[in-house]
Amino acid sequence: MVRRASVPVRRPDPPRVVWRKQMRERVLAEARALAGATGWDAVRVADLAERAQVSRPWIYKEFGDRAGIGAALVRRESEDFLIGVAAALDQHPDSVAAAVEAGVRHALAEAARNPFIHAVVTASRGGTDGLLPFLTARPEPVFTLAGQLLRAWLAERLPAWDEHRLEEAGDLVVRLTVSHILLPAADAQCTPERIARAVVAVLGAGVP
């Protein structure tokens, strides 16, 4: 008689944990809506508490402070954003240049049509939005998450390439793409192809 390996059963979260997750998501959803409508600088914890129907002390306990809400919001948006980028990359498994071009094109288009990202970028051009450092100056979450995605994708398709070269190429994609999101070129439709060419040049000869 062959014994089958037992599969651990994941127990459902206790009601208190479920409630906490729901309230956390509700606060972030309201923060996203307010930031998209009025800009992050106009978002107050009191307004979030009223809209999400939770207390201000609970928000401070969960997120630490207003900056903690901003960091959590940017991280969540980044994760959702990168799901689409990953899907665009995977549409071209046999061509690094085509994949990078598709990924960058998706990122630029999504940044233009996403109300939250659009609000952050638009406000940043006036030098007012407090969420911009989470998108640019701080390592988490955008650069780290995006860099990990690009390095993993490149490493899977270019297993013989030097690890440092792959890291350099991934970092180049992320930094150039973020730069063009913040300050689009006059001929923005050519940007994805240019970034793809730069990445291929960094990786060197023999890139498929």
N, C-alpha and C. Protein backbone atom coordinates (compact mmCIF):
# COMPACT_ATOMS: atom_id res chain seq x y z
N MET A 1 0.84 -1.20 0.00
CA MET A 1 0.00 0.00 0.00
C MET A 1 0.88 1.25 0.00
N VAL A 2 0.63 2.14 -0.95
CA VAL A 2 1.43 3.35 -1.06
C VAL A 2 0.76 4.48 -0.29
N ARG A 3 1.54 5.07 0.57
CA ARG A 3 1.02 6.19 1.34
C ARG A 3 1.16 7.50 0.56
N ARG A 4 0.11 8.23 0.55
CA ARG A 4 0.16 9.52 -0.11
C ARG A 4 0.63 10.58 0.88
N ALA A 5 1.46 11.44 0.36
CA ALA A 5 1.95 12.52 1.23
C ALA A 5 0.78 13.39 1.65
N SER A 6 0.73 13.65 2.92
CA SER A 6 -0.35 14.49 3.43
C SER A 6 -0.13 15.94 3.05
N VAL A 7 -1.17 16.58 2.62
CA VAL A 7 -1.10 17.99 2.25
C VAL A 7 -1.62 18.82 3.42
N PRO A 8 -0.79 19.72 3.94
CA PRO A 8 -1.25 20.52 5.07
C PRO A 8 -2.45 21.38 4.71
N VAL A 9 -3.43 21.36 5.56
CA VAL A 9 -4.64 22.15 5.33
C VAL A 9 -4.46 23.53 5.94
N ARG A 10 -4.65 24.53 5.13
CA ARG A 10 -4.51 25.90 5.62
C ARG A 10 -5.79 26.31 6.34
N ARG A 11 -5.62 26.61 7.58
CA ARG A 11 -6.78 27.01 8.37
C ARG A 11 -7.17 28.45 8.04
N PRO A 12 -8.46 28.71 8.06
CA PRO A 12 -8.90 30.09 7.79
C PRO A 12 -8.43 31.03 8.89
N ASP A 13 -8.23 32.28 8.52
CA ASP A 13 -7.81 33.27 9.50
C ASP A 13 -8.90 33.47 10.55
N PRO A 14 -8.50 33.74 11.78
CA PRO A 14 -9.49 34.07 12.81
C PRO A 14 -10.27 35.33 12.42
N PRO A 15 -11.48 35.47 12.91
CA PRO A 15 -12.30 36.64 12.55
C PRO A 15 -11.59 37.97 12.77
N ARG A 16 -10.82 38.08 13.84
CA ARG A 16 -10.14 39.35 14.11
C ARG A 16 -9.12 39.68 13.03
N VAL A 17 -8.41 38.65 12.55
CA VAL A 17 -7.42 38.86 11.49
C VAL A 17 -8.12 39.23 10.18
N VAL A 18 -9.22 38.56 9.89
CA VAL A 18 -10.00 38.87 8.69
C VAL A 18 -10.48 40.32 8.74
N TRP A 19 -11.00 40.73 9.88
CA TRP A 19 -11.49 42.10 10.03
C TRP A 19 -10.35 43.09 9.83
N ARG A 20 -9.19 42.80 10.44
CA ARG A 20 -8.05 43.72 10.32
C ARG A 20 -7.63 43.88 8.86
N LYS A 21 -7.57 42.77 8.13
CA LYS A 21 -7.19 42.84 6.71
C LYS A 21 -8.21 43.65 5.91
N GLN A 22 -9.48 43.44 6.21
CA GLN A 22 -10.52 44.17 5.50
C GLN A 22 -10.44 45.67 5.78
N MET A 23 -10.21 46.03 7.05
CA MET A 23 -10.11 47.44 7.40
C MET A 23 -8.86 48.07 6.78
N ARG A 24 -7.78 47.32 6.75
CA ARG A 24 -6.55 47.83 6.16
C ARG A 24 -6.76 48.12 4.67
N GLU A 25 -7.38 47.18 3.97
CA GLU A 25 -7.65 47.37 2.55
C GLU A 25 -8.62 48.53 2.32
N ARG A 26 -9.58 48.68 3.24
CA ARG A 26 -10.54 49.77 3.10
C ARG A 26 -9.84 51.12 3.24
N VAL A 27 -8.94 51.23 4.21
CA VAL A 27 -8.20 52.48 4.40
C VAL A 27 -7.34 52.78 3.17
N LEU A 28 -6.65 51.77 2.65
CA LEU A 28 -5.81 51.98 1.48
C LEU A 28 -6.64 52.35 0.24
N ALA A 29 -7.80 51.73 0.11
CA ALA A 29 -8.67 52.05 -1.02
C ALA A 29 -9.13 53.51 -0.95
N GLU A 30 -9.50 53.95 0.25
CA GLU A 30 -9.93 55.34 0.41
C GLU A 30 -8.75 56.30 0.21
N ALA A 31 -7.57 55.92 0.68
CA ALA A 31 -6.39 56.75 0.48
C ALA A 31 -6.07 56.89 -1.00
N ARG A 32 -6.21 55.81 -1.73
CA ARG A 32 -5.96 55.84 -3.17
C ARG A 32 -6.95 56.76 -3.87
N ALA A 33 -8.23 56.64 -3.49
CA ALA A 33 -9.26 57.46 -4.12
C ALA A 33 -9.04 58.94 -3.83
N LEU A 34 -8.74 59.27 -2.57
CA LEU A 34 -8.52 60.67 -2.21
C LEU A 34 -7.27 61.23 -2.88
N ALA A 35 -6.19 60.44 -2.88
CA ALA A 35 -4.95 60.91 -3.50
C ALA A 35 -5.14 61.14 -4.99
N GLY A 36 -5.90 60.26 -5.62
CA GLY A 36 -6.16 60.43 -7.05
C GLY A 36 -7.01 61.63 -7.35
N ALA A 37 -7.90 61.99 -6.41
CA ALA A 37 -8.82 63.10 -6.64
C ALA A 37 -8.24 64.45 -6.23
N THR A 38 -7.50 64.47 -5.12
CA THR A 38 -7.05 65.75 -4.56
C THR A 38 -5.55 65.89 -4.41
N GLY A 39 -4.80 64.79 -4.63
CA GLY A 39 -3.36 64.81 -4.36
C GLY A 39 -3.09 64.36 -2.94
N TRP A 40 -1.95 63.72 -2.74
CA TRP A 40 -1.64 63.16 -1.43
C TRP A 40 -1.51 64.24 -0.36
N ASP A 41 -1.02 65.41 -0.71
CA ASP A 41 -0.82 66.45 0.29
C ASP A 41 -2.12 66.87 0.96
N ALA A 42 -3.25 66.66 0.29
CA ALA A 42 -4.55 67.05 0.84
C ALA A 42 -5.21 65.93 1.63
N VAL A 43 -4.61 64.75 1.65
CA VAL A 43 -5.21 63.60 2.34
C VAL A 43 -4.90 63.69 3.83
N ARG A 44 -5.95 63.66 4.67
CA ARG A 44 -5.79 63.70 6.12
C ARG A 44 -6.25 62.39 6.73
N VAL A 45 -5.60 62.02 7.82
CA VAL A 45 -5.97 60.79 8.51
C VAL A 45 -7.42 60.86 8.98
N ALA A 46 -7.85 62.03 9.41
CA ALA A 46 -9.24 62.17 9.87
C ALA A 46 -10.22 61.86 8.75
N ASP A 47 -9.90 62.31 7.54
CA ASP A 47 -10.78 62.02 6.40
C ASP A 47 -10.79 60.53 6.08
N LEU A 48 -9.63 59.90 6.15
CA LEU A 48 -9.55 58.46 5.89
C LEU A 48 -10.35 57.68 6.92
N ALA A 49 -10.24 58.08 8.18
CA ALA A 49 -10.97 57.39 9.24
C ALA A 49 -12.47 57.49 9.02
N GLU A 50 -12.92 58.67 8.63
CA GLU A 50 -14.36 58.86 8.40
C GLU A 50 -14.84 58.06 7.20
N ARG A 51 -14.09 58.10 6.11
CA ARG A 51 -14.51 57.40 4.89
C ARG A 51 -14.42 55.89 5.04
N ALA A 52 -13.40 55.41 5.74
CA ALA A 52 -13.23 53.97 5.92
C ALA A 52 -14.02 53.43 7.10
N GLN A 53 -14.58 54.34 7.91
CA GLN A 53 -15.38 53.96 9.09
C GLN A 53 -14.55 53.17 10.10
N VAL A 54 -13.36 53.69 10.36
CA VAL A 54 -12.51 53.16 11.43
C VAL A 54 -12.02 54.35 12.24
N SER A 55 -11.46 54.08 13.40
CA SER A 55 -11.00 55.16 14.25
C SER A 55 -9.60 55.62 13.84
N ARG A 56 -9.30 56.87 14.14
CA ARG A 56 -7.95 57.37 13.87
C ARG A 56 -6.90 56.62 14.68
N PRO A 57 -7.15 56.33 15.97
CA PRO A 57 -6.15 55.53 16.71
C PRO A 57 -5.86 54.19 16.05
N TRP A 58 -6.89 53.54 15.48
CA TRP A 58 -6.65 52.25 14.81
C TRP A 58 -5.74 52.44 13.61
N ILE A 59 -5.97 53.51 12.84
CA ILE A 59 -5.14 53.76 11.66
C ILE A 59 -3.69 53.99 12.08
N TYR A 60 -3.49 54.80 13.13
CA TYR A 60 -2.12 55.06 13.59
C TYR A 60 -1.47 53.78 14.11
N LYS A 61 -2.24 52.94 14.78
CA LYS A 61 -1.69 51.69 15.28
C LYS A 61 -1.31 50.75 14.14
N GLU A 62 -2.11 50.73 13.09
CA GLU A 62 -1.88 49.82 11.97
C GLU A 62 -0.76 50.29 11.05
N PHE A 63 -0.71 51.60 10.79
CA PHE A 63 0.24 52.12 9.79
C PHE A 63 1.38 52.93 10.39
N GLY A 64 1.29 53.27 11.65
CA GLY A 64 2.34 54.06 12.28
C GLY A 64 2.07 55.55 12.21
N ASP A 65 2.00 56.07 11.01
CA ASP A 65 1.72 57.48 10.79
C ASP A 65 1.25 57.67 9.35
N ARG A 66 1.07 58.92 8.97
CA ARG A 66 0.59 59.21 7.62
C ARG A 66 1.57 58.72 6.56
N ALA A 67 2.86 58.86 6.85
CA ALA A 67 3.87 58.37 5.91
C ALA A 67 3.79 56.86 5.75
N GLY A 68 3.43 56.17 6.84
CA GLY A 68 3.27 54.72 6.76
C GLY A 68 2.12 54.33 5.85
N ILE A 69 1.05 55.13 5.86
CA ILE A 69 -0.06 54.88 4.94
C ILE A 69 0.42 55.07 3.50
N GLY A 70 1.16 56.14 3.27
CA GLY A 70 1.68 56.40 1.94
C GLY A 70 2.58 55.29 1.44
N ALA A 71 3.46 54.80 2.31
CA ALA A 71 4.36 53.72 1.92
C ALA A 71 3.59 52.45 1.58
N ALA A 72 2.59 52.11 2.41
CA ALA A 72 1.79 50.91 2.16
C ALA A 72 1.00 51.05 0.87
N LEU A 73 0.50 52.25 0.61
CA LEU A 73 -0.28 52.48 -0.60
C LEU A 73 0.59 52.35 -1.85
N VAL A 74 1.77 52.93 -1.81
CA VAL A 74 2.67 52.85 -2.97
C VAL A 74 3.11 51.41 -3.20
N ARG A 75 3.37 50.68 -2.12
CA ARG A 75 3.77 49.29 -2.29
C ARG A 75 2.65 48.48 -2.95
N ARG A 76 1.42 48.67 -2.48
CA ARG A 76 0.30 47.93 -3.07
C ARG A 76 0.12 48.28 -4.54
N GLU A 77 0.20 49.56 -4.86
CA GLU A 77 0.07 49.99 -6.25
C GLU A 77 1.20 49.42 -7.10
N SER A 78 2.40 49.39 -6.53
CA SER A 78 3.55 48.87 -7.27
C SER A 78 3.38 47.39 -7.59
N GLU A 79 2.90 46.63 -6.62
CA GLU A 79 2.70 45.20 -6.84
C GLU A 79 1.67 44.96 -7.94
N ASP A 80 0.56 45.69 -7.90
CA ASP A 80 -0.46 45.55 -8.94
C ASP A 80 0.09 45.99 -10.30
N PHE A 81 0.84 47.07 -10.30
CA PHE A 81 1.42 47.62 -11.52
C PHE A 81 2.36 46.61 -12.17
N LEU A 82 3.18 45.95 -11.36
CA LEU A 82 4.19 45.03 -11.89
C LEU A 82 3.59 43.72 -12.38
N ILE A 83 2.40 43.38 -11.93
CA ILE A 83 1.73 42.19 -12.47
C ILE A 83 1.49 42.38 -13.97
N GLY A 84 1.05 43.57 -14.34
CA GLY A 84 0.84 43.87 -15.76
C GLY A 84 2.13 43.90 -16.54
N VAL A 85 3.19 44.44 -15.94
CA VAL A 85 4.49 44.47 -16.61
C VAL A 85 5.00 43.06 -16.86
N ALA A 86 4.86 42.19 -15.85
CA ALA A 86 5.30 40.80 -15.99
C ALA A 86 4.55 40.09 -17.12
N ALA A 87 3.25 40.34 -17.20
CA ALA A 87 2.46 39.73 -18.27
C ALA A 87 2.92 40.21 -19.64
N ALA A 88 3.28 41.49 -19.74
CA ALA A 88 3.77 42.03 -21.02
C ALA A 88 5.11 41.41 -21.39
N LEU A 89 5.99 41.23 -20.43
CA LEU A 89 7.28 40.59 -20.69
C LEU A 89 7.09 39.17 -21.21
N ASP A 90 6.18 38.45 -20.58
CA ASP A 90 5.98 37.03 -20.91
C ASP A 90 5.36 36.81 -22.29
N GLN A 91 4.87 37.87 -22.90
CA GLN A 91 4.31 37.73 -24.25
C GLN A 91 5.40 37.53 -25.30
N HIS A 92 6.66 37.79 -24.91
CA HIS A 92 7.77 37.67 -25.87
C HIS A 92 8.91 36.85 -25.25
N PRO A 93 8.70 35.56 -25.03
CA PRO A 93 9.71 34.75 -24.34
C PRO A 93 10.98 34.53 -25.15
N ASP A 94 10.93 34.75 -26.46
CA ASP A 94 12.08 34.43 -27.31
C ASP A 94 12.88 35.66 -27.75
N SER A 95 12.49 36.84 -27.28
CA SER A 95 13.19 38.05 -27.69
C SER A 95 13.28 39.02 -26.53
N VAL A 96 14.49 39.23 -26.03
CA VAL A 96 14.68 40.16 -24.92
C VAL A 96 14.28 41.58 -25.32
N ALA A 97 14.70 42.00 -26.50
CA ALA A 97 14.38 43.36 -26.94
C ALA A 97 12.87 43.58 -27.06
N ALA A 98 12.18 42.62 -27.67
CA ALA A 98 10.73 42.75 -27.83
C ALA A 98 10.03 42.72 -26.48
N ALA A 99 10.51 41.89 -25.56
CA ALA A 99 9.90 41.79 -24.24
C ALA A 99 10.08 43.07 -23.45
N VAL A 100 11.30 43.60 -23.44
CA VAL A 100 11.56 44.84 -22.72
C VAL A 100 10.74 45.98 -23.31
N GLU A 101 10.70 46.04 -24.63
CA GLU A 101 9.90 47.09 -25.27
C GLU A 101 8.43 46.98 -24.87
N ALA A 102 7.89 45.76 -24.84
CA ALA A 102 6.49 45.56 -24.46
C ALA A 102 6.27 45.92 -22.99
N GLY A 103 7.20 45.53 -22.13
CA GLY A 103 7.07 45.84 -20.71
C GLY A 103 7.10 47.33 -20.44
N VAL A 104 8.03 48.03 -21.09
CA VAL A 104 8.13 49.48 -20.91
C VAL A 104 6.90 50.17 -21.49
N ARG A 105 6.45 49.73 -22.64
CA ARG A 105 5.26 50.34 -23.26
C ARG A 105 4.05 50.19 -22.33
N HIS A 106 3.90 49.00 -21.74
CA HIS A 106 2.79 48.79 -20.80
C HIS A 106 2.94 49.72 -19.60
N ALA A 107 4.15 49.83 -19.06
CA ALA A 107 4.37 50.66 -17.87
C ALA A 107 4.03 52.12 -18.15
N LEU A 108 4.47 52.63 -19.28
CA LEU A 108 4.19 54.03 -19.61
C LEU A 108 2.69 54.27 -19.83
N ALA A 109 2.04 53.33 -20.50
CA ALA A 109 0.60 53.48 -20.76
C ALA A 109 -0.19 53.39 -19.46
N GLU A 110 0.17 52.45 -18.60
CA GLU A 110 -0.54 52.28 -17.33
C GLU A 110 -0.34 53.50 -16.44
N ALA A 111 0.87 54.04 -16.42
CA ALA A 111 1.14 55.23 -15.61
C ALA A 111 0.30 56.41 -16.09
N ALA A 112 0.06 56.49 -17.39
CA ALA A 112 -0.72 57.60 -17.94
C ALA A 112 -2.20 57.46 -17.63
N ARG A 113 -2.71 56.22 -17.56
CA ARG A 113 -4.15 56.06 -17.37
C ARG A 113 -4.55 55.73 -15.92
N ASN A 114 -3.58 55.43 -15.07
CA ASN A 114 -3.87 55.12 -13.67
C ASN A 114 -4.07 56.43 -12.91
N PRO A 115 -5.26 56.70 -12.35
CA PRO A 115 -5.53 57.99 -11.71
C PRO A 115 -4.58 58.29 -10.56
N PHE A 116 -4.24 57.27 -9.78
CA PHE A 116 -3.37 57.48 -8.63
C PHE A 116 -1.97 57.87 -9.09
N ILE A 117 -1.39 57.10 -10.01
CA ILE A 117 -0.04 57.41 -10.49
C ILE A 117 -0.04 58.76 -11.20
N HIS A 118 -1.07 59.00 -11.99
CA HIS A 118 -1.16 60.27 -12.71
C HIS A 118 -1.19 61.45 -11.73
N ALA A 119 -1.92 61.30 -10.64
CA ALA A 119 -2.01 62.38 -9.65
C ALA A 119 -0.66 62.63 -8.99
N VAL A 120 0.05 61.55 -8.65
CA VAL A 120 1.36 61.69 -8.02
C VAL A 120 2.34 62.38 -8.96
N VAL A 121 2.38 61.92 -10.20
CA VAL A 121 3.32 62.47 -11.18
C VAL A 121 2.99 63.92 -11.50
N THR A 122 1.72 64.22 -11.69
CA THR A 122 1.31 65.59 -12.01
C THR A 122 1.66 66.54 -10.87
N ALA A 123 1.38 66.12 -9.64
CA ALA A 123 1.69 66.96 -8.49
C ALA A 123 3.19 67.14 -8.33
N SER A 124 3.96 66.09 -8.65
CA SER A 124 5.41 66.17 -8.48
C SER A 124 6.02 67.23 -9.39
N ARG A 125 5.40 67.46 -10.53
CA ARG A 125 5.93 68.47 -11.45
C ARG A 125 5.78 69.87 -10.88
N GLY A 126 4.86 70.00 -9.90
CA GLY A 126 4.74 71.27 -9.20
C GLY A 126 5.50 71.28 -7.90
N GLY A 127 6.18 70.18 -7.60
CA GLY A 127 7.01 70.09 -6.42
C GLY A 127 6.25 69.99 -5.12
N THR A 128 5.04 69.39 -5.13
CA THR A 128 4.23 69.40 -3.92
C THR A 128 3.90 68.03 -3.35
N ASP A 129 3.98 66.98 -4.13
CA ASP A 129 3.41 65.71 -3.67
C ASP A 129 4.37 64.91 -2.80
N GLY A 130 3.89 64.55 -1.59
CA GLY A 130 4.73 63.84 -0.64
C GLY A 130 4.93 62.38 -0.92
N LEU A 131 4.24 61.83 -1.91
CA LEU A 131 4.43 60.42 -2.24
C LEU A 131 5.57 60.20 -3.22
N LEU A 132 6.05 61.24 -3.86
CA LEU A 132 7.08 61.07 -4.88
C LEU A 132 8.33 60.37 -4.35
N PRO A 133 8.80 60.67 -3.12
CA PRO A 133 10.00 59.96 -2.65
C PRO A 133 9.83 58.45 -2.62
N PHE A 134 8.62 57.96 -2.39
CA PHE A 134 8.41 56.51 -2.39
C PHE A 134 8.54 55.93 -3.79
N LEU A 135 8.36 56.76 -4.81
CA LEU A 135 8.48 56.30 -6.19
C LEU A 135 9.89 56.43 -6.73
N THR A 136 10.70 57.31 -6.11
CA THR A 136 12.00 57.61 -6.70
C THR A 136 13.16 57.46 -5.73
N ALA A 137 13.16 58.24 -4.65
CA ALA A 137 14.36 58.34 -3.82
C ALA A 137 14.57 57.17 -2.88
N ARG A 138 13.53 56.48 -2.49
CA ARG A 138 13.67 55.39 -1.53
C ARG A 138 13.73 54.05 -2.25
N PRO A 139 14.55 53.13 -1.74
CA PRO A 139 14.71 51.85 -2.45
C PRO A 139 13.46 51.00 -2.50
N GLU A 140 12.63 51.10 -1.49
CA GLU A 140 11.39 50.34 -1.47
C GLU A 140 10.24 51.29 -1.76
N PRO A 141 9.21 50.84 -2.45
CA PRO A 141 9.08 49.50 -3.00
C PRO A 141 9.38 49.40 -4.48
N VAL A 142 9.38 50.55 -5.18
CA VAL A 142 9.35 50.50 -6.63
C VAL A 142 10.61 49.90 -7.22
N PHE A 143 11.76 50.47 -6.90
CA PHE A 143 13.00 50.02 -7.53
C PHE A 143 13.34 48.59 -7.16
N THR A 144 13.15 48.24 -5.89
CA THR A 144 13.48 46.89 -5.46
C THR A 144 12.57 45.86 -6.12
N LEU A 145 11.27 46.07 -6.06
CA LEU A 145 10.33 45.11 -6.65
C LEU A 145 10.50 45.00 -8.16
N ALA A 146 10.60 46.14 -8.82
CA ALA A 146 10.75 46.13 -10.27
C ALA A 146 12.09 45.52 -10.68
N GLY A 147 13.14 45.85 -9.94
CA GLY A 147 14.45 45.28 -10.24
C GLY A 147 14.47 43.77 -10.08
N GLN A 148 13.83 43.29 -9.03
CA GLN A 148 13.74 41.84 -8.82
C GLN A 148 13.00 41.16 -9.96
N LEU A 149 11.92 41.77 -10.40
CA LEU A 149 11.15 41.21 -11.51
C LEU A 149 11.99 41.12 -12.77
N LEU A 150 12.68 42.21 -13.13
CA LEU A 150 13.47 42.23 -14.36
C LEU A 150 14.64 41.26 -14.28
N ARG A 151 15.33 41.23 -13.14
CA ARG A 151 16.48 40.32 -13.02
C ARG A 151 16.05 38.87 -13.12
N ALA A 152 14.94 38.54 -12.47
CA ALA A 152 14.46 37.15 -12.52
C ALA A 152 14.06 36.77 -13.94
N TRP A 153 13.39 37.68 -14.64
CA TRP A 153 12.97 37.39 -16.00
C TRP A 153 14.17 37.22 -16.91
N LEU A 154 15.15 38.11 -16.80
CA LEU A 154 16.35 38.02 -17.63
C LEU A 154 17.16 36.77 -17.30
N ALA A 155 17.29 36.46 -16.01
CA ALA A 155 18.09 35.29 -15.62
C ALA A 155 17.48 34.00 -16.14
N GLU A 156 16.16 33.94 -16.19
CA GLU A 156 15.50 32.73 -16.69
C GLU A 156 15.76 32.54 -18.17
N ARG A 157 15.84 33.62 -18.91
CA ARG A 157 16.03 33.51 -20.36
C ARG A 157 17.49 33.57 -20.79
N LEU A 158 18.34 34.10 -19.92
CA LEU A 158 19.77 34.22 -20.24
C LEU A 158 20.60 33.57 -19.13
N PRO A 159 20.47 32.27 -18.92
CA PRO A 159 21.15 31.62 -17.80
C PRO A 159 22.68 31.68 -17.88
N ALA A 160 23.22 31.85 -19.08
CA ALA A 160 24.67 31.87 -19.24
C ALA A 160 25.27 33.26 -19.02
N TRP A 161 24.43 34.27 -18.87
CA TRP A 161 24.94 35.64 -18.74
C TRP A 161 25.43 35.92 -17.33
N ASP A 162 26.38 36.84 -17.24
CA ASP A 162 26.94 37.24 -15.95
C ASP A 162 25.85 37.88 -15.07
N GLU A 163 25.82 37.50 -13.82
CA GLU A 163 24.77 37.97 -12.90
C GLU A 163 24.80 39.49 -12.75
N HIS A 164 26.01 40.04 -12.68
CA HIS A 164 26.12 41.50 -12.51
C HIS A 164 25.64 42.23 -13.76
N ARG A 165 25.88 41.65 -14.92
CA ARG A 165 25.41 42.26 -16.16
C ARG A 165 23.87 42.25 -16.21
N LEU A 166 23.27 41.17 -15.75
CA LEU A 166 21.81 41.10 -15.71
C LEU A 166 21.24 42.12 -14.72
N GLU A 167 21.92 42.26 -13.59
CA GLU A 167 21.46 43.24 -12.59
C GLU A 167 21.56 44.66 -13.15
N GLU A 168 22.65 44.93 -13.86
CA GLU A 168 22.83 46.25 -14.46
C GLU A 168 21.74 46.53 -15.50
N ALA A 169 21.43 45.52 -16.31
CA ALA A 169 20.40 45.69 -17.33
C ALA A 169 19.03 45.92 -16.71
N GLY A 170 18.70 45.14 -15.68
CA GLY A 170 17.42 45.32 -15.01
C GLY A 170 17.29 46.68 -14.36
N ASP A 171 18.37 47.14 -13.72
CA ASP A 171 18.36 48.45 -13.08
C ASP A 171 18.18 49.55 -14.12
N LEU A 172 18.82 49.37 -15.28
CA LEU A 172 18.70 50.36 -16.35
C LEU A 172 17.26 50.50 -16.82
N VAL A 173 16.58 49.37 -17.01
CA VAL A 173 15.18 49.40 -17.44
C VAL A 173 14.33 50.18 -16.44
N VAL A 174 14.50 49.86 -15.17
CA VAL A 174 13.66 50.48 -14.14
C VAL A 174 13.89 51.98 -14.07
N ARG A 175 15.16 52.38 -14.01
CA ARG A 175 15.47 53.81 -13.84
C ARG A 175 15.06 54.63 -15.07
N LEU A 176 15.31 54.10 -16.24
CA LEU A 176 14.91 54.84 -17.44
C LEU A 176 13.40 54.94 -17.56
N THR A 177 12.71 53.85 -17.21
CA THR A 177 11.24 53.87 -17.31
C THR A 177 10.63 54.86 -16.33
N VAL A 178 11.10 54.83 -15.07
CA VAL A 178 10.59 55.78 -14.08
C VAL A 178 10.90 57.21 -14.51
N SER A 179 12.10 57.43 -15.04
CA SER A 179 12.47 58.76 -15.51
C SER A 179 11.51 59.25 -16.59
N HIS A 180 11.14 58.37 -17.51
CA HIS A 180 10.24 58.78 -18.59
C HIS A 180 8.78 58.89 -18.12
N ILE A 181 8.43 58.19 -17.05
CA ILE A 181 7.10 58.39 -16.47
C ILE A 181 7.01 59.79 -15.87
N LEU A 182 8.07 60.21 -15.19
CA LEU A 182 8.07 61.52 -14.55
C LEU A 182 8.22 62.65 -15.57
N LEU A 183 9.08 62.46 -16.56
CA LEU A 183 9.32 63.49 -17.57
C LEU A 183 9.30 62.85 -18.95
N PRO A 184 8.12 62.69 -19.54
CA PRO A 184 8.02 62.03 -20.85
C PRO A 184 8.78 62.81 -21.93
N ALA A 185 9.35 62.06 -22.85
CA ALA A 185 10.02 62.68 -23.99
C ALA A 185 8.98 63.22 -24.96
N ALA A 186 9.41 64.14 -25.82
CA ALA A 186 8.49 64.72 -26.80
C ALA A 186 7.95 63.65 -27.74
N ASP A 187 8.81 62.71 -28.10
CA ASP A 187 8.39 61.59 -28.95
C ASP A 187 8.28 60.32 -28.10
N ALA A 188 7.37 60.35 -27.14
CA ALA A 188 7.27 59.28 -26.15
C ALA A 188 6.99 57.92 -26.76
N GLN A 189 6.39 57.88 -27.93
CA GLN A 189 6.07 56.60 -28.55
C GLN A 189 7.33 55.82 -28.92
N CYS A 190 8.46 56.52 -29.03
CA CYS A 190 9.73 55.86 -29.37
C CYS A 190 10.50 55.40 -28.12
N THR A 191 10.06 55.82 -26.94
CA THR A 191 10.80 55.53 -25.72
C THR A 191 10.98 54.03 -25.46
N PRO A 192 9.93 53.20 -25.56
CA PRO A 192 10.11 51.77 -25.27
C PRO A 192 11.19 51.13 -26.14
N GLU A 193 11.20 51.46 -27.42
CA GLU A 193 12.20 50.87 -28.32
C GLU A 193 13.61 51.33 -27.94
N ARG A 194 13.76 52.60 -27.57
CA ARG A 194 15.07 53.12 -27.19
C ARG A 194 15.60 52.43 -25.93
N ILE A 195 14.72 52.25 -24.95
CA ILE A 195 15.14 51.58 -23.72
C ILE A 195 15.52 50.14 -24.01
N ALA A 196 14.76 49.48 -24.87
CA ALA A 196 15.07 48.10 -25.24
C ALA A 196 16.44 48.01 -25.90
N ARG A 197 16.75 48.96 -26.79
CA ARG A 197 18.05 48.95 -27.46
C ARG A 197 19.18 49.16 -26.45
N ALA A 198 18.95 50.04 -25.48
CA ALA A 198 19.97 50.29 -24.46
C ALA A 198 20.24 49.04 -23.64
N VAL A 199 19.18 48.31 -23.30
CA VAL A 199 19.33 47.09 -22.51
C VAL A 199 20.10 46.03 -23.29
N VAL A 200 19.78 45.86 -24.55
CA VAL A 200 20.49 44.89 -25.38
C VAL A 200 21.97 45.26 -25.48
N ALA A 201 22.26 46.56 -25.58
CA ALA A 201 23.65 47.00 -25.64
C ALA A 201 24.40 46.68 -24.35
N VAL A 202 23.74 46.83 -23.22
CA VAL A 202 24.37 46.52 -21.94
C VAL A 202 24.63 45.02 -21.82
N LEU A 203 23.70 44.21 -22.27
CA LEU A 203 23.84 42.76 -22.17
C LEU A 203 24.91 42.22 -23.11
N GLY A 204 25.15 42.89 -24.22
CA GLY A 204 26.21 42.49 -25.12
C GLY A 204 25.76 41.59 -26.24
N ALA A 205 26.74 41.14 -27.03
CA ALA A 205 26.46 40.34 -28.22
C ALA A 205 25.84 39.00 -27.86
N GLY A 206 25.03 38.51 -28.77
CA GLY A 206 24.45 37.18 -28.60
C GLY A 206 23.11 37.15 -27.90
N VAL A 207 22.56 38.32 -27.57
CA VAL A 207 21.27 38.35 -26.89
C VAL A 207 20.17 37.97 -27.88
N PRO A 208 19.34 37.00 -27.54
CA PRO A 208 18.26 36.59 -28.46
C PRO A 208 17.20 37.68 -28.60
